[in-house]
Amino acid sequence: MQAYLFVHFKEKRTPDGEQVYFGVSKNGFDWEEVNGGDPVLWSYFGDKGVRDFTITRTKEGKFVILATDLSLSYGMLNQYNHSWAKAARYGSKSLAMWQSNDLVNWSEQKMVQLGDDDFGCVWAPDIIYDKNNNDYVIHWSSSHSSNEYGFKGIYYSRTKDFENFSKAQLLIKKEDSGIIDSAMYEEDGKYYLFLKSEQNPGKIILMKSDSITGPFERIHSFDQSMETVEAGQYEAPTAVRLDDGRWCLFLDFYGCSAEEQGYVPFIADRLANGEFIRSDQSFTFPYGYKHGTILAITIEEYERLKSYKKLPSEY
């Protein structure tokens, strides 16, 4: 039996929202807050705020969190002049990183620069282990000088140790739209890549490849699963394989107030067929929360996180 950890942030207008929060669940549907609903980790470097988390368990058993280095609370007014376009063009080229052996005791925050002067902001990382190459592929969305910082594409870097990183390369782009919020999973030796397409359609799409680095082809049956999902209202896909073998895909719904924002679950028997059924009624979370990643954990790890409490003086 396994449990689940959701690493996320809160879309608040105060700096405490753009920090690292944990939620836990025994079944993947009914979620409980960790640390009394307060942040587990706090960002003190870069923009001093973090969003769009990913977490992985390495083959050695270490946990790694990566996040977008961006604070709208601090920066949207005085640094980016209320402009998402400026944040995308001139935002951080680095990701914030923390590491842990037990999900409770974390290393100090480290800034990992993956973009160079040709990149805009490095957004929304995701990590997948490449068993064929025995390393980890970190992929993210960015604008780039190659198309005059127009439509965003997905780029990637490889690492074996989360200390040394290869030069960024293009993973995939879409000619008629920007693509962001990539999330990749392996099933039966194939790789499935969820993306938010910003236009044509303005929805989540699903791609498939024999290789982690592509080339990718579109799974059109998934488009049919998204037919009733409102365009321009969902982002940040994250998925997890449940105990019974089904996949649960969560999409972040932002077509409401910040306090109400949160994920909507969709269930599929297999990624390969692209057929997902919306399952709102089976899902609960104790507060509004934003863009993150789900990780399968052990019951022992679940119990450890449930009893975790961090004092304000310990940040």
Protein backbone atom coordinates (compact mmCIF):
# COMPACT_ATOMS: atom_id res chain seq x y z
CA MET A 1 0.00 0.00 0.00
CA GLN A 2 1.25 3.50 -0.82
CA ALA A 3 0.30 7.04 0.13
CA TYR A 4 0.79 10.34 -1.70
CA LEU A 5 2.50 13.69 -1.23
CA PHE A 6 1.40 16.87 -3.03
CA VAL A 7 4.02 19.66 -3.14
CA HIS A 8 2.38 22.96 -4.05
CA PHE A 9 1.98 26.67 -3.30
CA LYS A 10 -0.98 28.95 -2.54
CA GLU A 11 -2.05 31.77 -4.87
CA LYS A 12 -2.11 34.42 -2.16
CA ARG A 13 -1.30 38.09 -2.50
CA THR A 14 1.13 37.88 0.43
CA PRO A 15 4.66 36.40 0.33
CA ASP A 16 3.77 33.38 2.49
CA GLY A 17 1.68 31.96 -0.38
CA GLU A 18 4.60 31.53 -2.77
CA GLN A 19 6.49 29.09 -0.57
CA VAL A 20 6.69 25.29 -0.28
CA TYR A 21 3.55 23.56 1.07
CA PHE A 22 2.85 19.85 1.52
CA GLY A 23 -0.41 17.92 1.41
CA VAL A 24 -0.72 14.17 2.03
CA SER A 25 -3.28 11.51 1.20
CA LYS A 26 -3.73 7.78 1.73
CA ASN A 27 -5.83 7.28 -1.40
CA GLY A 28 -4.90 10.13 -3.76
CA PHE A 29 -8.34 11.76 -3.47
CA ASP A 30 -8.84 12.88 0.13
CA TRP A 31 -6.05 15.25 1.13
CA GLU A 32 -4.82 16.55 4.48
CA GLU A 33 -2.60 19.53 5.24
CA VAL A 34 0.93 19.17 6.60
CA ASN A 35 2.42 21.50 9.23
CA GLY A 36 -0.99 22.96 10.07
CA GLY A 37 -1.33 24.34 6.56
CA ASP A 38 1.79 26.51 6.94
CA PRO A 39 4.82 26.40 4.61
CA VAL A 40 7.31 23.56 5.04
CA LEU A 41 10.13 25.49 3.33
CA TRP A 42 10.69 29.18 2.67
CA SER A 43 12.59 30.79 -0.22
CA TYR A 44 15.21 33.36 0.77
CA PHE A 45 17.17 33.63 -2.50
CA GLY A 46 16.48 34.85 -6.02
CA ASP A 47 13.02 36.41 -6.25
CA LYS A 48 12.30 35.16 -2.68
CA GLY A 49 9.24 33.28 -3.80
CA VAL A 50 8.73 29.88 -5.44
CA ARG A 51 5.99 28.40 -7.60
CA ASP A 52 5.33 25.47 -9.92
CA PHE A 53 6.98 22.63 -7.99
CA THR A 54 8.26 19.25 -8.99
CA ILE A 55 9.56 16.56 -6.66
CA THR A 56 11.30 13.27 -7.38
CA ARG A 57 12.71 10.34 -5.44
CA THR A 58 16.13 9.45 -6.88
CA LYS A 59 17.25 5.86 -7.34
CA GLU A 60 19.47 6.33 -4.26
CA GLY A 61 16.41 7.31 -2.22
CA LYS A 62 17.05 11.04 -1.99
CA PHE A 63 14.22 13.53 -2.51
CA VAL A 64 14.72 16.59 -4.73
CA ILE A 65 12.38 19.58 -5.05
CA LEU A 66 12.77 22.04 -7.91
CA ALA A 67 10.65 25.17 -8.34
CA THR A 68 10.23 28.28 -10.45
CA ASP A 69 12.10 31.21 -8.90
CA LEU A 70 9.38 33.86 -9.06
CA SER A 71 7.48 35.99 -6.57
CA LEU A 72 4.44 37.89 -7.74
CA SER A 73 3.91 39.19 -4.20
CA TYR A 74 7.30 40.87 -4.16
CA GLY A 75 8.10 41.24 -7.83
CA MET A 76 5.02 41.79 -9.97
CA LEU A 77 4.62 45.35 -8.72
CA ASN A 78 8.17 46.60 -8.19
CA GLN A 79 10.18 44.37 -10.53
CA TYR A 80 7.90 43.36 -13.41
CA ASN A 81 5.55 46.38 -13.44
CA HIS A 82 2.37 44.27 -13.31
CA SER A 83 3.40 42.56 -16.58
CA TRP A 84 3.41 38.79 -17.09
CA ALA A 85 5.23 39.46 -20.37
CA LYS A 86 8.07 41.17 -18.50
CA ALA A 87 8.24 38.35 -15.98
CA ALA A 88 8.44 35.83 -18.83
CA ARG A 89 11.14 37.79 -20.66
CA TYR A 90 13.26 39.06 -17.77
CA GLY A 91 12.54 36.60 -14.96
CA SER A 92 14.98 34.24 -13.29
CA LYS A 93 17.18 31.89 -15.32
CA SER A 94 17.52 29.68 -12.24
CA LEU A 95 15.42 27.14 -10.38
CA ALA A 96 15.25 26.84 -6.60
CA MET A 97 16.28 23.43 -5.25
CA TRP A 98 16.07 21.59 -1.92
CA GLN A 99 17.17 18.02 -1.12
CA SER A 100 16.26 15.60 1.68
CA ASN A 101 16.76 12.01 2.81
CA ASP A 102 13.48 11.75 4.72
CA LEU A 103 11.04 14.48 3.49
CA VAL A 104 11.34 16.24 6.86
CA ASN A 105 14.94 17.47 7.12
CA TRP A 106 15.85 19.54 4.06
CA SER A 107 19.07 21.05 2.79
CA GLU A 108 19.44 24.80 2.51
CA GLN A 109 17.99 26.33 -0.63
CA LYS A 110 20.26 26.26 -3.66
CA MET A 111 19.81 28.18 -6.94
CA VAL A 112 20.46 26.13 -10.09
CA GLN A 113 21.01 28.17 -13.26
CA LEU A 114 19.78 26.24 -16.30
CA GLY A 115 19.07 29.14 -18.67
CA ASP A 116 21.60 31.48 -20.25
CA ASP A 117 21.25 34.95 -21.75
CA ASP A 118 19.21 33.54 -24.66
CA PHE A 119 16.45 32.40 -22.29
CA GLY A 120 13.57 34.18 -20.69
CA CYS A 121 12.31 33.03 -17.30
CA VAL A 122 12.78 29.33 -16.54
CA TRP A 123 9.25 28.15 -15.65
CA ALA A 124 7.58 25.08 -14.19
CA PRO A 125 10.23 22.32 -14.03
CA ASP A 126 9.51 18.62 -14.13
CA ILE A 127 11.89 15.69 -13.50
CA ILE A 128 11.88 12.19 -14.99
CA TYR A 129 14.45 9.42 -14.57
CA ASP A 130 15.94 8.09 -17.84
CA LYS A 131 16.68 4.43 -17.16
CA ASN A 132 18.36 4.07 -20.56
CA ASN A 133 20.85 6.83 -19.79
CA ASN A 134 20.97 6.39 -16.00
CA ASP A 135 20.35 10.08 -15.41
CA TYR A 136 17.55 12.57 -14.81
CA VAL A 137 15.93 14.80 -17.40
CA ILE A 138 14.77 18.17 -16.10
CA HIS A 139 12.40 19.91 -18.51
CA TRP A 140 10.73 23.31 -18.29
CA SER A 141 9.14 26.06 -20.39
CA SER A 142 10.87 29.24 -21.53
CA SER A 143 10.74 31.93 -24.14
CA HIS A 144 13.94 32.15 -26.20
CA SER A 145 15.91 34.48 -28.44
CA SER A 146 15.63 31.96 -31.32
CA ASN A 147 12.08 33.22 -32.02
CA GLU A 148 12.56 36.69 -30.53
CA TYR A 149 11.04 35.58 -27.21
CA GLY A 150 7.71 34.70 -28.82
CA PHE A 151 5.90 31.39 -28.25
CA LYS A 152 7.38 29.47 -25.33
CA GLY A 153 8.88 26.03 -25.92
CA ILE A 154 9.93 23.16 -23.65
CA TYR A 155 13.66 22.79 -22.97
CA TYR A 156 15.64 20.18 -21.05
CA SER A 157 18.88 19.50 -19.25
CA ARG A 158 20.37 16.23 -17.96
CA THR A 159 21.97 15.51 -14.59
CA LYS A 160 23.21 12.42 -12.76
CA ASP A 161 23.71 14.04 -9.37
CA PHE A 162 21.74 17.33 -9.25
CA GLU A 163 25.09 19.08 -8.98
CA ASN A 164 26.21 19.10 -12.61
CA PHE A 165 23.79 19.92 -15.43
CA SER A 166 24.12 19.66 -19.20
CA LYS A 167 23.59 22.63 -21.51
CA ALA A 168 19.91 23.27 -22.17
CA GLN A 169 18.41 21.89 -25.39
CA LEU A 170 15.01 22.16 -27.05
CA LEU A 171 12.68 19.27 -26.21
CA ILE A 172 9.55 20.28 -28.14
CA LYS A 173 7.87 23.35 -29.59
CA LYS A 174 4.48 24.00 -31.16
CA GLU A 175 4.47 26.21 -34.24
CA ASP A 176 1.04 27.77 -33.68
CA SER A 177 1.21 28.29 -29.91
CA GLY A 178 3.32 28.56 -26.83
CA ILE A 179 3.49 25.42 -24.68
CA ILE A 180 4.14 25.40 -20.93
CA ASP A 181 3.75 23.23 -17.79
CA SER A 182 5.24 20.00 -19.13
CA ALA A 183 4.81 16.79 -17.12
CA MET A 184 6.19 13.45 -18.36
CA TYR A 185 5.49 9.85 -17.34
CA GLU A 186 6.59 6.39 -18.48
CA GLU A 187 4.16 3.54 -19.16
CA ASP A 188 5.17 0.23 -20.74
CA GLY A 189 8.39 1.67 -22.16
CA LYS A 190 6.67 4.65 -23.81
CA TYR A 191 6.84 8.28 -22.65
CA TYR A 192 3.77 10.48 -22.27
CA LEU A 193 4.09 14.26 -22.11
CA PHE A 194 1.24 16.45 -20.85
CA LEU A 195 1.45 20.10 -21.92
CA LYS A 196 -0.60 23.23 -21.60
CA SER A 197 -1.13 24.62 -25.10
CA GLU A 198 -1.68 28.37 -24.84
CA GLN A 199 -3.61 28.49 -28.13
CA ASN A 200 -5.07 26.13 -30.76
CA PRO A 201 -6.39 24.72 -28.46
CA GLY A 202 -6.03 26.66 -25.22
CA LYS A 203 -6.18 23.39 -23.30
CA ILE A 204 -4.06 20.54 -21.99
CA ILE A 205 -2.75 18.22 -24.70
CA LEU A 206 -1.01 14.84 -24.52
CA MET A 207 2.00 13.73 -26.56
CA LYS A 208 3.71 10.33 -26.89
CA SER A 209 7.22 9.16 -27.77
CA ASP A 210 9.46 6.10 -27.71
CA SER A 211 12.17 8.29 -26.19
CA ILE A 212 12.26 10.79 -23.33
CA THR A 213 13.66 13.43 -25.68
CA GLY A 214 11.24 12.77 -28.54
CA PRO A 215 10.17 13.13 -31.24
CA PHE A 216 6.61 13.35 -29.93
CA GLU A 217 3.25 12.74 -31.58
CA ARG A 218 -0.16 13.94 -30.47
CA ILE A 219 -2.66 11.54 -28.85
CA HIS A 220 -5.92 12.80 -30.29
CA SER A 221 -8.14 10.59 -28.13
CA PHE A 222 -7.01 12.76 -25.19
CA ASP A 223 -8.35 15.82 -27.05
CA GLN A 224 -11.76 14.15 -26.97
CA SER A 225 -11.43 13.70 -23.18
CA MET A 226 -10.82 17.44 -22.92
CA GLU A 227 -13.76 18.48 -25.14
CA THR A 228 -15.94 19.53 -22.20
CA VAL A 229 -13.09 21.27 -20.34
CA GLU A 230 -13.30 25.04 -20.73
CA ALA A 231 -10.48 26.55 -22.80
CA GLY A 232 -8.13 28.90 -21.00
CA GLN A 233 -9.16 27.71 -17.52
CA TYR A 234 -6.80 24.83 -16.71
CA GLU A 235 -3.03 24.41 -16.45
CA ALA A 236 -0.25 22.62 -14.51
CA PRO A 237 -1.02 18.95 -15.24
CA THR A 238 0.38 16.41 -12.79
CA ALA A 239 -0.37 12.70 -12.68
CA VAL A 240 0.22 9.72 -10.42
CA ARG A 241 -0.34 6.00 -10.75
CA LEU A 242 -2.69 4.78 -8.04
CA ASP A 243 -2.44 1.56 -6.05
CA ASP A 244 -4.98 -0.13 -8.34
CA GLY A 245 -2.97 0.69 -11.48
CA ARG A 246 -5.19 3.51 -12.73
CA TRP A 247 -3.77 6.95 -13.50
CA CYS A 248 -5.06 10.07 -11.81
CA LEU A 249 -4.39 13.27 -13.75
CA PHE A 250 -4.86 16.54 -11.86
CA LEU A 251 -5.42 19.81 -13.73
CA ASP A 252 -5.13 23.15 -11.96
CA PHE A 253 -8.37 25.13 -12.41
CA TYR A 254 -7.80 28.89 -12.26
CA GLY A 255 -11.15 30.17 -13.52
CA CYS A 256 -12.15 31.44 -10.09
CA SER A 257 -10.83 33.56 -7.22
CA ALA A 258 -7.33 32.91 -5.90
CA GLU A 259 -8.64 31.53 -2.62
CA GLU A 260 -10.70 28.91 -4.45
CA GLN A 261 -8.12 27.80 -6.97
CA GLY A 262 -7.22 24.16 -6.94
CA TYR A 263 -6.98 20.93 -8.85
CA VAL A 264 -9.59 18.81 -10.61
CA PRO A 265 -8.95 15.04 -10.99
CA PHE A 266 -9.37 12.97 -14.15
CA ILE A 267 -9.09 9.16 -14.11
CA ALA A 268 -7.79 6.79 -16.82
CA ASP A 269 -7.04 3.08 -16.92
CA ARG A 270 -3.97 3.70 -19.08
CA LEU A 271 -2.09 6.69 -20.46
CA ALA A 272 -1.81 4.99 -23.84
CA ASN A 273 -5.50 5.23 -24.70
CA GLY A 274 -5.76 8.88 -23.64
CA GLU A 275 -9.28 8.38 -22.26
CA PHE A 276 -9.76 10.31 -19.02
CA ILE A 277 -12.96 10.76 -17.02
CA ARG A 278 -13.48 13.83 -14.84
CA SER A 279 -13.97 12.88 -11.17
CA ASP A 280 -14.61 16.08 -9.19
CA GLN A 281 -16.91 14.53 -6.62
CA SER A 282 -14.29 12.09 -5.38
CA PHE A 283 -11.73 14.74 -4.46
CA THR A 284 -11.25 16.96 -1.39
CA PHE A 285 -8.49 19.34 -0.28
CA PRO A 286 -8.53 21.51 2.87
CA TYR A 287 -7.72 24.83 1.14
CA GLY A 288 -7.14 26.40 -2.27
CA TYR A 289 -3.78 25.44 -3.68
CA LYS A 290 -1.77 25.78 -6.86
CA HIS A 291 0.65 24.24 -9.34
CA GLY A 292 2.58 21.32 -7.90
CA THR A 293 3.48 17.66 -8.30
CA ILE A 294 2.28 14.44 -6.69
CA LEU A 295 4.74 11.80 -5.47
CA ALA A 296 3.92 8.29 -4.29
CA ILE A 297 5.28 7.76 -0.76
CA THR A 298 5.24 4.97 1.83
CA ILE A 299 2.80 4.79 4.72
CA GLU A 300 5.74 5.35 7.07
CA GLU A 301 6.62 8.56 5.19
CA TYR A 302 2.97 9.60 5.30
CA GLU A 303 2.84 9.17 9.09
CA ARG A 304 6.10 11.09 9.49
CA LEU A 305 4.73 14.02 7.50
CA LYS A 306 1.38 13.95 9.31
CA SER A 307 3.14 14.51 12.63
CA TYR A 308 5.53 17.14 11.26
CA LYS A 309 5.44 20.59 12.82
CA LYS A 310 7.77 23.48 12.11
CA LEU A 311 7.98 26.45 14.47
CA PRO A 312 8.17 29.96 12.99
CA SER A 313 11.66 30.32 14.50
CA GLU A 314 12.84 27.29 12.49
CA TYR A 315 12.40 28.82 9.03
